[in-house]
Amino acid sequence: MAHPEPDSPLNCDSGNLLRSGDMRGFQSMARMYTRLAAMPKKG
């Protein structure tokens, strides 16, 4: 995650954001996936 590779992305949407230079959008998407997949569920 520290050095994303836009030329061979695992997630096409993230790769497109990086290739277009939208770092803010990429970081927002990365936060969303982190919350969904890597953090324990509350409740």
N, C-alpha and C. Protein backbone atom coordinates (compact mmCIF):
# COMPACT_ATOMS: atom_id res chain seq x y z
N MET A 1 0.81 -1.19 0.00
CA MET A 1 0.00 0.00 0.00
C MET A 1 0.86 1.26 0.00
N ALA A 2 2.08 1.16 0.46
CA ALA A 2 2.94 2.35 0.49
C ALA A 2 3.36 2.77 -0.91
N HIS A 3 3.48 1.80 -1.83
CA HIS A 3 3.92 2.09 -3.19
C HIS A 3 2.98 1.39 -4.18
N PRO A 4 1.78 1.94 -4.40
CA PRO A 4 0.83 1.28 -5.30
C PRO A 4 1.36 1.24 -6.74
N GLU A 5 1.00 0.18 -7.45
CA GLU A 5 1.45 -0.03 -8.82
C GLU A 5 0.26 0.11 -9.77
N PRO A 6 0.07 1.28 -10.39
CA PRO A 6 -1.10 1.49 -11.24
C PRO A 6 -1.08 0.72 -12.55
N ASP A 7 0.08 0.24 -12.98
CA ASP A 7 0.17 -0.47 -14.26
C ASP A 7 -0.30 -1.92 -14.17
N SER A 8 -0.36 -2.48 -12.97
CA SER A 8 -0.79 -3.86 -12.79
C SER A 8 -1.61 -3.96 -11.50
N PRO A 9 -2.78 -3.29 -11.46
CA PRO A 9 -3.55 -3.24 -10.23
C PRO A 9 -4.34 -4.53 -9.97
N LEU A 10 -4.54 -4.85 -8.72
CA LEU A 10 -5.44 -5.95 -8.36
C LEU A 10 -6.88 -5.47 -8.40
N ASN A 11 -7.08 -4.17 -8.21
CA ASN A 11 -8.41 -3.55 -8.25
C ASN A 11 -8.39 -2.53 -9.39
N CYS A 12 -9.19 -2.76 -10.42
CA CYS A 12 -9.18 -1.88 -11.60
C CYS A 12 -9.59 -0.45 -11.28
N ASP A 13 -10.58 -0.28 -10.41
CA ASP A 13 -11.01 1.07 -10.05
C ASP A 13 -9.89 1.85 -9.38
N SER A 14 -9.18 1.20 -8.49
CA SER A 14 -8.05 1.85 -7.83
C SER A 14 -6.96 2.20 -8.84
N GLY A 15 -6.68 1.30 -9.75
CA GLY A 15 -5.68 1.56 -10.79
C GLY A 15 -6.06 2.75 -11.65
N ASN A 16 -7.34 2.84 -12.01
CA ASN A 16 -7.80 3.97 -12.81
C ASN A 16 -7.65 5.29 -12.05
N LEU A 17 -7.95 5.28 -10.77
CA LEU A 17 -7.78 6.50 -9.97
C LEU A 17 -6.32 6.92 -9.93
N LEU A 18 -5.44 5.96 -9.74
CA LEU A 18 -4.01 6.27 -9.69
C LEU A 18 -3.50 6.78 -11.03
N ARG A 19 -3.90 6.13 -12.12
CA ARG A 19 -3.43 6.55 -13.45
C ARG A 19 -3.92 7.95 -13.79
N SER A 20 -5.11 8.33 -13.30
CA SER A 20 -5.63 9.67 -13.58
C SER A 20 -5.07 10.72 -12.63
N GLY A 21 -4.29 10.28 -11.64
CA GLY A 21 -3.68 11.22 -10.71
C GLY A 21 -4.56 11.60 -9.53
N ASP A 22 -5.65 10.87 -9.34
CA ASP A 22 -6.59 11.17 -8.24
C ASP A 22 -6.16 10.44 -6.98
N MET A 23 -5.15 10.96 -6.33
CA MET A 23 -4.62 10.33 -5.12
C MET A 23 -5.63 10.38 -3.98
N ARG A 24 -6.38 11.46 -3.90
CA ARG A 24 -7.40 11.59 -2.85
C ARG A 24 -8.48 10.51 -3.01
N GLY A 25 -8.92 10.30 -4.24
CA GLY A 25 -9.91 9.26 -4.51
C GLY A 25 -9.37 7.87 -4.21
N PHE A 26 -8.11 7.63 -4.58
CA PHE A 26 -7.48 6.35 -4.30
C PHE A 26 -7.40 6.09 -2.80
N GLN A 27 -6.97 7.09 -2.05
CA GLN A 27 -6.84 6.93 -0.60
C GLN A 27 -8.20 6.70 0.05
N SER A 28 -9.22 7.38 -0.45
CA SER A 28 -10.57 7.19 0.07
C SER A 28 -11.05 5.76 -0.18
N MET A 29 -10.79 5.25 -1.38
CA MET A 29 -11.18 3.87 -1.70
C MET A 29 -10.40 2.88 -0.85
N ALA A 30 -9.12 3.13 -0.63
CA ALA A 30 -8.31 2.24 0.20
C ALA A 30 -8.83 2.22 1.63
N ARG A 31 -9.22 3.38 2.16
CA ARG A 31 -9.80 3.42 3.51
C ARG A 31 -11.10 2.61 3.57
N MET A 32 -11.94 2.75 2.55
CA MET A 32 -13.21 2.03 2.52
C MET A 32 -12.97 0.51 2.55
N TYR A 33 -12.06 0.02 1.70
CA TYR A 33 -11.79 -1.41 1.67
C TYR A 33 -11.14 -1.89 2.97
N THR A 34 -10.33 -1.05 3.59
CA THR A 34 -9.73 -1.41 4.87
C THR A 34 -10.81 -1.57 5.92
N ARG A 35 -11.75 -0.63 5.95
CA ARG A 35 -12.85 -0.73 6.93
C ARG A 35 -13.71 -1.96 6.68
N LEU A 36 -13.97 -2.26 5.42
CA LEU A 36 -14.83 -3.40 5.09
C LEU A 36 -14.17 -4.75 5.35
N ALA A 37 -12.89 -4.87 5.04
CA ALA A 37 -12.25 -6.18 5.03
C ALA A 37 -11.24 -6.43 6.14
N ALA A 38 -10.64 -5.39 6.68
CA ALA A 38 -9.52 -5.61 7.59
C ALA A 38 -9.78 -5.20 9.03
N MET A 39 -10.92 -4.60 9.29
CA MET A 39 -11.20 -4.17 10.66
C MET A 39 -12.31 -5.02 11.25
N PRO A 40 -12.24 -5.30 12.55
CA PRO A 40 -13.29 -6.10 13.17
C PRO A 40 -14.64 -5.38 13.12
N LYS A 41 -15.68 -6.16 12.99
CA LYS A 41 -17.03 -5.60 12.95
C LYS A 41 -17.46 -5.21 14.36
N LYS A 42 -18.15 -4.09 14.47
CA LYS A 42 -18.67 -3.64 15.76
C LYS A 42 -20.02 -4.30 16.01
N GLY A 43 -20.29 -4.57 17.27
CA GLY A 43 -21.60 -5.06 17.65
C GLY A 43 -21.66 -6.48 17.76
